[in-house]
Protein backbone atom coordinates (compact mmCIF):
# COMPACT_ATOMS: atom_id res chain seq x y z
CA MET A 1 -15.15 -41.10 9.21
CA SER A 2 -13.07 -38.27 10.19
CA GLN A 3 -13.28 -36.77 13.70
CA HIS A 4 -13.36 -32.92 13.88
CA ILE A 5 -10.79 -31.67 16.36
CA ALA A 6 -11.69 -28.31 18.11
CA LYS A 7 -8.90 -25.80 18.23
CA PRO A 8 -7.40 -24.91 21.63
CA ARG A 9 -8.57 -21.73 22.99
CA THR A 10 -5.95 -18.84 22.28
CA THR A 11 -5.72 -16.15 25.19
CA ALA A 12 -3.84 -13.22 25.01
CA VAL A 13 -2.27 -11.84 28.32
CA ILE A 14 -1.40 -8.35 28.67
CA LEU A 15 1.32 -7.64 30.98
CA ALA A 16 0.94 -4.35 32.19
CA GLY A 17 2.86 -4.01 35.26
CA GLY A 18 5.25 -1.18 34.58
CA THR A 19 5.51 1.92 36.69
CA GLY A 20 6.54 4.53 34.37
CA GLN A 21 9.57 5.52 36.27
CA ARG A 22 11.88 5.32 33.30
CA VAL A 23 9.75 7.57 31.19
CA GLY A 24 9.65 10.05 34.39
CA LEU A 25 5.80 9.92 34.65
CA SER A 26 3.62 9.68 37.84
CA ILE A 27 1.37 7.10 36.23
CA PRO A 28 2.01 3.94 34.75
CA LYS A 29 3.33 4.43 31.29
CA GLN A 30 0.68 2.02 29.60
CA LEU A 31 -1.86 4.66 30.69
CA LEU A 32 -0.29 7.59 29.15
CA LYS A 33 -1.95 8.84 26.02
CA ILE A 34 -0.65 8.30 22.63
CA ALA A 35 -2.71 9.09 19.45
CA GLY A 36 -5.40 10.22 21.57
CA LYS A 37 -5.66 6.92 23.69
CA ALA A 38 -3.94 5.34 26.39
CA VAL A 39 -0.83 3.02 25.36
CA ILE A 40 -2.74 -0.05 26.77
CA GLU A 41 -5.92 0.63 24.58
CA HIS A 42 -4.05 0.69 21.27
CA THR A 43 -2.64 -2.69 22.33
CA LEU A 44 -6.04 -4.01 23.56
CA THR A 45 -7.54 -3.17 20.27
CA THR A 46 -4.90 -4.87 18.15
CA PHE A 47 -5.90 -8.41 20.08
CA GLU A 48 -9.53 -7.33 20.44
CA ASN A 49 -9.72 -7.00 16.31
CA ALA A 50 -7.52 -10.35 15.83
CA ASP A 51 -9.49 -13.36 14.70
CA SER A 52 -7.33 -16.08 16.02
CA ILE A 53 -7.62 -14.43 19.58
CA ASP A 54 -10.71 -15.71 21.65
CA ASP A 55 -10.04 -13.72 25.11
CA ILE A 56 -7.66 -11.45 26.52
CA ILE A 57 -6.40 -11.34 30.07
CA VAL A 58 -4.88 -8.03 31.63
CA LEU A 59 -2.26 -8.07 34.61
CA MET A 60 -2.10 -4.39 35.73
CA ALA A 61 0.27 -2.61 38.18
CA PRO A 62 -1.09 -2.94 41.71
CA GLY A 63 -3.73 -0.05 42.20
CA TYR A 64 -4.43 0.68 38.64
CA VAL A 65 -6.97 -1.89 37.97
CA PRO A 66 -10.11 0.33 38.18
CA ASP A 67 -8.38 2.43 35.60
CA ILE A 68 -8.06 -0.50 32.96
CA GLU A 69 -11.95 -1.46 33.89
CA LYS A 70 -12.96 2.06 32.91
CA ILE A 71 -10.93 1.99 29.52
CA VAL A 72 -12.45 -1.49 28.95
CA ALA A 73 -15.71 -0.36 29.61
CA LYS A 74 -15.40 2.78 27.55
CA ALA A 75 -14.03 1.07 24.66
CA GLY A 76 -16.46 -1.93 24.61
CA PHE A 77 -13.85 -4.30 24.43
CA LYS A 78 -15.92 -7.62 24.47
CA LYS A 79 -12.83 -10.32 24.62
CA VAL A 80 -11.43 -8.67 27.94
CA SER A 81 -12.36 -11.64 30.33
CA LYS A 82 -10.16 -10.72 33.56
CA ILE A 83 -8.34 -7.68 34.91
CA ILE A 84 -6.02 -8.89 37.78
CA GLU A 85 -3.05 -7.21 39.74
CA GLY A 86 0.28 -8.08 38.54
CA GLY A 87 2.86 -9.03 40.83
CA ALA A 88 6.02 -7.38 42.27
CA THR A 89 8.29 -9.13 39.20
CA ARG A 90 7.85 -9.99 35.70
CA ASN A 91 8.15 -13.81 36.85
CA GLU A 92 5.33 -13.30 39.50
CA THR A 93 3.29 -11.74 37.31
CA THR A 94 3.31 -14.46 34.62
CA GLU A 95 2.58 -17.04 37.28
CA ARG A 96 -0.34 -15.25 38.44
CA ALA A 97 -1.55 -15.25 34.31
CA ILE A 98 -0.97 -19.06 34.40
CA SER A 99 -3.07 -19.62 37.23
CA ALA A 100 -5.87 -17.75 36.10
CA LEU A 101 -5.50 -19.38 32.72
CA GLY A 102 -5.85 -22.61 34.26
CA GLU A 103 -9.36 -21.85 35.70
CA GLY A 104 -11.85 -23.63 33.99
CA LEU A 105 -10.05 -25.72 31.86
CA ALA A 106 -11.07 -29.57 31.73
CA GLU A 107 -8.38 -32.17 33.14
CA GLY A 108 -6.19 -32.89 30.19
CA GLU A 109 -7.03 -29.90 28.21
CA ASP A 110 -4.33 -27.80 27.05
CA ALA A 111 -4.66 -23.84 25.40
CA ASN A 112 -2.62 -21.38 23.80
CA VAL A 113 -1.45 -18.29 25.82
CA LEU A 114 0.40 -15.34 24.18
CA PHE A 115 2.37 -13.00 26.49
CA HIS A 116 2.58 -9.37 25.23
CA ASP A 117 3.97 -5.93 26.67
CA ALA A 118 1.29 -3.64 27.05
CA VAL A 119 3.74 -0.99 26.09
CA ARG A 120 4.19 -2.28 22.63
CA PRO A 121 1.30 -0.72 20.92
CA LEU A 122 2.20 -0.94 17.44
CA LEU A 123 1.96 -4.79 16.91
CA SER A 124 0.85 -5.90 13.77
CA GLN A 125 -2.11 -8.51 13.00
CA ARG A 126 0.35 -10.54 11.04
CA VAL A 127 2.56 -11.25 13.98
CA ILE A 128 -0.16 -12.45 16.27
CA ASP A 129 -1.59 -14.82 13.51
CA ASP A 130 2.01 -16.21 13.02
CA CYS A 131 2.33 -16.70 16.53
CA VAL A 132 -0.90 -18.67 16.87
CA THR A 133 -0.09 -20.68 13.34
CA ALA A 134 3.21 -21.84 14.83
CA LEU A 135 1.64 -22.75 17.80
CA GLU A 136 -0.22 -25.85 15.75
CA ARG A 137 3.50 -27.25 15.53
CA TYR A 138 5.63 -26.22 18.28
CA GLN A 139 5.18 -25.64 22.10
CA ALA A 140 7.24 -22.38 22.46
CA VAL A 141 7.30 -19.45 20.24
CA ASP A 142 9.39 -15.95 20.42
CA VAL A 143 9.07 -12.91 18.16
CA ALA A 144 12.34 -11.44 16.94
CA ILE A 145 13.89 -9.17 14.40
CA PRO A 146 17.54 -8.68 12.87
CA SER A 147 20.22 -6.48 14.84
CA ALA A 148 20.94 -3.78 12.79
CA ASP A 149 23.40 -2.66 15.48
CA THR A 150 26.69 -4.39 16.20
CA ILE A 151 26.51 -5.85 19.66
CA ILE A 152 29.46 -5.87 22.02
CA VAL A 153 30.50 -7.48 25.18
CA THR A 154 32.01 -5.66 27.93
CA ARG A 155 33.93 -6.04 31.24
CA THR A 156 34.26 -3.25 33.82
CA HIS A 157 37.86 -2.98 35.03
CA GLY A 158 37.74 -0.54 38.11
CA GLU A 159 37.78 3.03 37.63
CA ASP A 160 39.17 2.77 34.10
CA GLY A 161 35.68 1.80 32.97
CA GLU A 162 34.11 -0.48 30.43
CA PHE A 163 36.47 -2.51 27.82
CA ILE A 164 35.23 -4.69 25.18
CA THR A 165 35.81 -8.50 25.43
CA GLU A 166 33.97 -9.99 22.67
CA ILE A 167 32.00 -8.80 19.29
CA PRO A 168 29.27 -11.54 18.70
CA ASP A 169 28.51 -12.52 14.94
CA ARG A 170 25.87 -10.07 14.23
CA SER A 171 24.40 -12.34 11.49
CA ARG A 172 23.26 -14.61 14.28
CA LEU A 173 21.95 -12.04 16.65
CA ARG A 174 18.07 -11.05 17.19
CA ARG A 175 16.28 -8.43 19.23
CA GLY A 176 13.44 -10.22 21.09
CA GLN A 177 9.99 -8.70 21.05
CA THR A 178 6.63 -9.86 22.24
CA PRO A 179 4.39 -11.47 22.21
CA GLN A 180 6.14 -15.03 23.28
CA ALA A 181 3.63 -17.57 22.70
CA PHE A 182 3.11 -21.03 24.55
CA LYS A 183 0.95 -24.22 24.79
CA LEU A 184 -0.09 -23.64 28.47
CA SER A 185 1.06 -26.78 29.54
CA THR A 186 4.51 -26.08 28.33
CA ILE A 187 5.04 -22.72 30.13
CA LYS A 188 3.29 -23.89 33.31
CA ARG A 189 5.73 -26.72 33.57
CA ALA A 190 8.59 -24.40 33.09
CA TYR A 191 7.56 -22.17 35.87
CA GLU A 192 7.22 -25.35 38.08
CA VAL A 193 10.63 -26.65 37.25
CA ALA A 194 11.92 -23.32 37.59
CA ALA A 195 10.53 -22.97 41.05
CA GLY A 196 13.07 -25.30 42.46
CA ASP A 197 15.69 -23.12 41.43
CA PRO A 198 16.49 -20.75 44.61
CA ASN A 199 18.19 -18.33 42.26
CA PHE A 200 15.65 -18.18 39.90
CA GLN A 201 15.01 -14.71 38.05
CA ALA A 202 14.15 -14.23 34.38
CA THR A 203 13.16 -11.16 32.46
CA ASP A 204 11.04 -12.89 29.90
CA ASP A 205 9.22 -16.21 29.61
CA CYS A 206 11.42 -17.84 26.38
CA SER A 207 14.54 -17.54 28.77
CA VAL A 208 12.37 -19.71 31.26
CA VAL A 209 11.72 -22.68 29.19
CA LEU A 210 15.03 -22.43 27.27
CA LYS A 211 16.68 -22.83 30.70
CA TYR A 212 14.49 -25.16 32.67
CA LEU A 213 12.75 -26.92 29.45
CA PRO A 214 15.97 -27.41 27.37
CA ASP A 215 14.66 -30.06 25.29
CA VAL A 216 11.45 -27.75 24.15
CA PRO A 217 12.68 -26.06 20.67
CA ILE A 218 11.59 -22.26 20.62
CA HIS A 219 10.43 -21.62 17.31
CA VAL A 220 10.94 -17.87 16.27
CA VAL A 221 8.88 -15.79 14.34
CA ALA A 222 9.68 -12.33 12.53
CA GLY A 223 8.82 -9.60 13.93
CA ASP A 224 8.43 -5.91 12.91
CA GLU A 225 11.01 -3.14 13.10
CA TYR A 226 8.17 -0.81 14.41
CA ASN A 227 6.72 -3.42 17.25
CA MET A 228 8.59 -1.07 19.56
CA LYS A 229 8.38 -0.99 23.32
CA VAL A 230 7.57 2.13 25.00
CA THR A 231 10.28 2.63 27.88
CA GLN A 232 12.31 5.47 27.68
CA PRO A 233 11.14 9.32 27.03
CA VAL A 234 11.93 9.48 23.35
CA ASP A 235 9.95 6.18 22.94
CA VAL A 236 6.75 8.19 23.53
CA PHE A 237 7.54 10.72 20.88
CA ILE A 238 8.52 8.05 18.37
CA ALA A 239 5.48 5.86 19.03
CA ASP A 240 3.15 9.06 18.77
CA LYS A 241 4.46 9.96 15.28
CA LEU A 242 4.24 6.24 14.29
CA PHE A 243 0.68 6.29 15.20
CA GLN A 244 -0.13 9.64 13.34
CA LEU A 245 1.86 8.23 9.98
CA ALA A 246 0.18 5.08 10.21
CA SER A 247 -2.74 4.81 7.89
CA THR A 248 -5.94 2.67 8.84
CA ALA A 249 -8.13 0.59 6.42
CA ALA A 250 -11.77 1.48 6.25
CA PRO A 251 -14.04 -1.56 5.94
CA GLU A 252 -16.02 -1.45 2.74
CA GLN A 253 -19.69 -2.28 2.77
CA VAL A 254 -20.36 -5.80 1.45
CA SER A 255 -22.92 -4.45 -1.20
CA GLU A 256 -24.80 -1.64 -2.50
CA GLU A 257 -27.86 -2.41 -0.84
CA ALA A 258 -25.63 -2.35 2.39
CA TYR A 259 -24.68 1.49 1.70
CA ARG A 260 -28.24 2.19 1.10
CA GLU A 261 -29.72 0.60 4.18
CA LEU A 262 -27.01 2.64 6.01
CA LEU A 263 -27.51 5.71 4.55
CA THR A 264 -31.48 6.02 3.78
CA GLY A 265 -32.82 8.41 6.56
CA LYS A 266 -29.55 10.09 7.54
CA THR A 267 -28.63 13.65 6.82
CA VAL A 268 -25.04 14.34 5.65
CA VAL A 269 -23.60 18.06 5.47
CA VAL A 270 -20.84 18.78 3.30
CA PHE A 271 -18.96 21.83 3.28
CA GLY A 272 -16.79 22.18 0.16
CA GLY A 273 -19.36 20.40 -1.64
CA SER A 274 -19.53 22.67 -4.89
CA TYR A 275 -16.82 20.76 -6.72
CA GLY A 276 -14.06 17.92 -6.57
CA ILE A 277 -14.16 15.44 -3.58
CA GLY A 278 -16.84 17.15 -1.78
CA LYS A 279 -19.23 17.04 -4.96
CA ASP A 280 -18.63 13.23 -5.40
CA ILE A 281 -19.33 12.39 -1.68
CA ALA A 282 -22.68 14.68 -1.94
CA GLU A 283 -23.83 12.60 -5.00
CA LEU A 284 -22.48 9.42 -3.92
CA ALA A 285 -24.35 9.74 -0.56
CA GLU A 286 -27.57 11.07 -2.07
CA SER A 287 -27.66 8.19 -4.49
CA TYR A 288 -27.74 5.54 -1.54
CA GLY A 289 -30.98 7.65 -0.01
CA ALA A 290 -29.16 10.15 2.36
CA SER A 291 -30.60 13.73 2.56
CA VAL A 292 -27.34 15.61 1.61
CA TYR A 293 -26.57 19.60 1.99
CA ALA A 294 -23.83 20.17 -0.48
CA LEU A 295 -22.48 23.34 0.62
CA GLY A 296 -19.89 25.86 -1.15
CA ARG A 297 -18.86 29.18 -2.41
CA SER A 298 -19.64 28.99 -5.99
CA THR A 299 -22.95 26.99 -5.43
CA THR A 300 -25.14 28.07 -2.39
CA GLY A 301 -22.82 31.13 -1.54
CA THR A 302 -21.64 29.59 1.67
CA HIS A 303 -18.28 31.00 3.06
CA VAL A 304 -16.81 28.23 5.49
CA GLU A 305 -14.44 30.89 6.97
CA ASN A 306 -17.71 32.77 8.10
CA PRO A 307 -18.87 31.07 11.17
CA GLU A 308 -22.30 32.67 11.08
CA GLU A 309 -22.79 30.91 7.54
CA VAL A 310 -21.60 27.84 8.79
CA ASP A 311 -24.03 28.11 11.59
CA ASP A 312 -26.97 28.86 9.45
CA ALA A 313 -26.00 26.07 7.04
CA LEU A 314 -26.41 23.32 9.98
CA SER A 315 -29.43 24.92 11.36
CA LYS A 316 -31.17 24.96 8.30
CA ALA A 317 -30.40 21.31 7.74
CA TYR A 318 -31.11 20.10 11.29
CA ALA A 319 -34.53 22.28 10.84
CA GLU A 320 -35.53 20.56 7.54
CA THR A 321 -34.60 16.71 8.51
CA GLY A 322 -34.60 16.66 12.30
CA ARG A 323 -31.00 15.59 12.37
CA ILE A 324 -27.36 15.55 11.32
CA ASP A 325 -25.50 12.38 11.27
CA TYR A 326 -22.49 13.28 9.13
CA VAL A 327 -20.44 16.63 8.54
CA VAL A 328 -17.83 16.54 5.80
CA ASN A 329 -15.51 19.69 5.30
CA THR A 330 -13.33 19.19 1.92
CA ALA A 331 -12.94 23.01 1.72
CA GLY A 332 -9.52 24.15 1.49
CA VAL A 333 -6.89 26.54 -0.67
CA LEU A 334 -3.51 25.92 -1.88
CA ARG A 335 -1.44 28.86 -2.23
CA ILE A 336 2.09 28.18 -3.40
CA GLY A 337 5.09 30.59 -2.56
CA LYS A 338 7.68 31.70 -0.68
CA LEU A 339 6.67 32.85 2.93
CA ALA A 340 8.67 36.16 3.16
CA GLU A 341 7.10 37.27 -0.37
CA THR A 342 3.15 36.27 0.91
CA ASP A 343 1.12 39.30 1.29
CA ASN A 344 -1.07 39.61 4.57
CA ALA A 345 -4.19 38.99 2.72
CA THR A 346 -3.14 35.51 1.17
CA ILE A 347 -1.79 34.64 4.65
CA GLU A 348 -5.18 35.44 6.26
CA GLU A 349 -7.06 33.48 3.47
CA ALA A 350 -5.11 30.50 4.29
CA LEU A 351 -5.52 30.27 7.86
CA LYS A 352 -8.96 30.94 7.61
CA VAL A 353 -9.79 28.57 5.20
CA ASN A 354 -7.60 25.62 5.73
CA TYR A 355 -7.65 26.09 9.88
CA LEU A 356 -10.14 28.28 11.45
CA ALA A 357 -13.04 27.09 9.32
CA PRO A 358 -12.40 23.42 10.15
CA VAL A 359 -12.34 24.40 13.84
CA GLN A 360 -15.65 26.60 13.42
CA ILE A 361 -17.05 23.62 11.76
CA ALA A 362 -16.22 21.13 14.46
CA ARG A 363 -17.62 23.38 17.17
CA SER A 364 -20.96 24.31 15.21
CA SER A 365 -21.42 20.41 14.49
CA TYR A 366 -20.73 18.87 17.98
CA LYS A 367 -24.20 19.65 19.27
CA TYR A 368 -25.85 17.99 16.37
CA LEU A 369 -23.45 14.98 16.16
CA SER A 370 -23.57 14.28 19.89
CA GLU A 371 -27.38 13.88 19.10
CA THR A 372 -26.83 11.30 16.40
CA LYS A 373 -23.53 9.78 17.35
CA GLY A 374 -22.44 10.81 14.21
CA GLN A 375 -18.96 11.70 12.96
CA LEU A 376 -17.26 14.49 11.79
CA LEU A 377 -14.77 13.95 8.80
CA LEU A 378 -11.79 16.28 7.96
CA TYR A 379 -9.11 16.11 5.17
CA THR A 380 -5.26 16.46 5.37
CA SER A 381 -2.60 16.43 2.68
CA SER A 382 0.45 13.90 2.52
CA SER A 383 2.15 17.23 2.69
CA TYR A 384 1.55 17.07 6.88
CA THR A 385 4.19 14.85 7.83
CA ARG A 386 6.72 17.38 6.33
CA GLY A 387 6.78 20.82 5.42
CA ARG A 388 8.24 21.64 1.89
CA ALA A 389 9.50 24.84 0.62
CA GLU A 390 6.92 27.12 -0.82
CA TYR A 391 4.14 24.85 0.92
CA SER A 392 4.49 26.32 4.44
CA LEU A 393 0.67 27.75 5.12
CA TYR A 394 -0.46 24.80 3.30
CA SER A 395 1.40 21.98 5.01
CA SER A 396 1.36 23.40 8.41
CA THR A 397 -2.55 24.24 8.26
CA LYS A 398 -2.94 20.42 7.06
CA ALA A 399 -0.62 18.99 9.86
CA ALA A 400 -3.03 20.90 12.39
CA MET A 401 -6.15 18.94 10.83
CA VAL A 402 -4.41 15.66 11.93
CA ASN A 403 -3.83 16.92 15.76
CA LEU A 404 -7.25 18.43 15.56
CA THR A 405 -8.71 14.85 14.46
CA GLN A 406 -6.84 13.30 17.24
CA ALA A 407 -7.53 15.47 19.86
CA LEU A 408 -11.25 15.68 19.22
CA SER A 409 -11.78 12.26 18.75
CA ASP A 410 -10.46 11.86 22.50
CA GLU A 411 -12.39 14.85 23.48
CA TRP A 412 -15.62 13.50 21.98
CA ALA A 413 -15.45 10.00 22.32
CA GLY A 414 -17.42 9.86 25.90
CA ASP A 415 -20.39 11.39 23.64
CA GLY A 416 -20.03 8.81 20.88
CA VAL A 417 -19.08 11.52 18.25
CA ARG A 418 -16.24 10.13 15.96
CA VAL A 419 -13.72 12.17 14.35
CA ASN A 420 -11.51 10.99 11.24
CA CYS A 421 -8.96 12.62 8.43
CA ILE A 422 -8.53 11.55 5.18
CA ASN A 423 -5.19 11.82 3.38
CA PRO A 424 -5.45 11.37 -0.11
CA GLU A 425 -2.47 10.96 -2.39
CA ARG A 426 -2.22 13.68 -5.05
CA THR A 427 -6.10 14.11 -6.50
CA ALA A 428 -7.51 15.48 -9.74
CA THR A 429 -9.40 18.20 -8.29
CA PRO A 430 -10.15 21.47 -9.85
CA MET A 431 -8.18 23.36 -6.83
CA ARG A 432 -5.23 21.19 -8.05
CA THR A 433 -5.41 22.02 -11.54
CA LYS A 434 -5.95 25.47 -10.61
CA ALA A 435 -2.51 25.46 -8.89
CA PHE A 436 -0.63 22.97 -11.13
CA GLY A 437 -2.21 23.18 -14.37
CA GLN A 438 -3.10 19.84 -16.47
CA GLU A 439 -1.09 16.72 -15.19
CA PRO A 440 -0.20 13.35 -17.12
CA THR A 441 -3.52 11.30 -17.00
CA GLY A 442 -3.24 8.41 -14.65
CA SER A 443 -0.78 10.37 -12.44
CA LEU A 444 -3.56 11.23 -10.02
CA LEU A 445 -6.29 9.68 -8.03
CA SER A 446 -9.95 10.22 -9.17
CA SER A 447 -11.75 12.40 -6.82
CA GLU A 448 -14.59 9.64 -6.91
CA ALA A 449 -12.05 7.13 -5.57
CA VAL A 450 -11.58 9.33 -2.47
CA ALA A 451 -15.20 9.92 -2.06
CA ARG A 452 -15.86 6.20 -1.99
CA THR A 453 -13.31 5.57 0.74
CA SER A 454 -14.64 8.72 2.63
CA LEU A 455 -18.23 7.32 2.55
CA ASP A 456 -16.68 3.99 4.07
CA VAL A 457 -14.81 5.94 6.77
CA LEU A 458 -18.48 7.60 7.76
CA LEU A 459 -20.09 4.43 7.68
CA SER A 460 -17.48 2.67 9.90
CA GLU A 461 -16.64 2.90 13.82
CA LEU A 462 -13.27 4.34 13.30
CA THR A 463 -12.20 7.40 15.19
CA GLY A 464 -9.27 9.21 15.49
CA HIS A 465 -7.70 8.06 12.41
CA VAL A 466 -5.79 9.04 9.24
CA ILE A 467 -6.96 7.23 6.34
CA ASP A 468 -4.59 6.96 3.54
CA VAL A 469 -5.97 6.95 0.06
CA ARG A 470 -3.71 5.87 -2.47
CA GLN A 471 -3.78 5.41 -6.11
CA GLN A 472 -2.13 1.59 -6.61
CA ASP A 473 -4.86 -0.41 -5.19
CA PRO A 474 -6.69 -1.87 -8.44
CA THR A 475 -10.07 -2.77 -6.36
CA ALA A 476 -10.85 0.58 -5.42
CA GLY A 477 -8.82 2.87 -7.60
CA ALA A 478 -7.25 4.21 -4.12
CA ALA A 479 -5.26 2.04 -1.90
CA ARG A 480 -6.56 1.07 1.61
CA ALA A 481 -3.73 1.56 4.13
CA SER A 482 -1.45 -1.11 4.24
CA GLY A 483 0.43 -0.30 7.53
CA PHE A 484 3.21 1.27 9.09
CA GLU A 485 5.60 -0.01 6.32
CA GLN A 486 3.58 1.94 3.87
CA ALA A 487 3.68 5.01 5.97
CA LEU A 488 7.12 5.14 6.81
CA ALA A 489 8.38 4.50 3.24
CA SER A 490 6.04 6.83 1.86
CA VAL A 491 6.98 9.95 4.42
CA LEU A 492 10.40 9.76 2.29
CA ASP A 493 8.67 10.86 -0.86
CA ARG A 494 5.42 12.91 0.19
CA GLN A 495 3.67 14.91 -2.16
CA ASP A 496 0.67 17.08 -1.99
CA GLY A 497 -2.68 15.59 -1.99
CA VAL A 498 -5.98 17.75 -1.46
């Protein structure tokens, strides 16, 4: 009779002891906001969502523990079990973590621990899972990527400066990242041995195992190029852009009945609901029992660029149903042409419909959505990442939708209002047909596929995200985001969506 062996507890230790001096900040860099959230909140979210992680301990810079406690409480992180002050050095911080990890363990019981830099917010679930899996066989695990640069070793000769003394073989060089993962007993033993060395100092934990437990092999897990560390001022900008480019998967409901249960009794207001994506969203939500107000210029005479008409439409929906749970805006105009040759009326129309209208819709919707803890859903285009000739008005206003989404999600988070943005690939809509004529069958997304993903986003707890919808996903007719690799690759070949 086989005996079940329980898996060891796996704890993520978030090392957040940095001060932010190198990025010229008056606060620790892990508290700096990127894509609408503190850097450390992005990091904690990744581990909170990792099935292979049981709990999280945060080691925070002295004096800033209350800041982390507020972030954890506001975000509702359930896995964060301890928030304690870090030490004066990286080594001292790790030792404090080891001590905290030992509490509550029975004699002879071991555990897994992953040490991760708080300022690496772009960590993937894949790397976390690979580290935990590797601990089933190895006692120590590092994460690294090949070096794309040639590494040189130099020596300084007085006032003459530096000179190359060696150029190592690049094929064997790796750039270390985090997490670094260990059996708790192993890293604890390494630090106990190191304590006997009066000259002990190290900048990472694998080097402690390598030096003081030389018989313990350290396995290397493949990292990710974008698992960058926010250290220099330019890193802040790059990380923010990576978050802006990265798409997020919207969780699908398990059954038709689940959609019906979540939408019955809810009120959905769709601006731009006369045709295309907006019309499909309205019909889909209504089929699941929602009270839907599909508003459009050609059907209800609603002009989104007119604030009074937006206010009236929302007031009517609220008066008749007593609530507004979701507000969607798919309205937009696509005007192609050289800016120098564009007349004032066309410019004004593009700005009013594509930018000012969403702003007005957001402002008018807020009071209703704050009552229901609802969601505002906006739409961008894949051209938001890179403006193209003759698309200046369209691309710039669509880029504004992404920034508006991220700003409002942060601004309204305390009131429980979620704000997200859909980024469809080229989609078969009347607006697109008017601009480009008939295009080859199968070359465009269906508006129904975009509508389905939009509904999944509305029913999710996501906020502040840009959700890509792509054609190659056979399961939904649109690809759910697969991460930064896809985002970075696609930025080289963006084409207009909505």
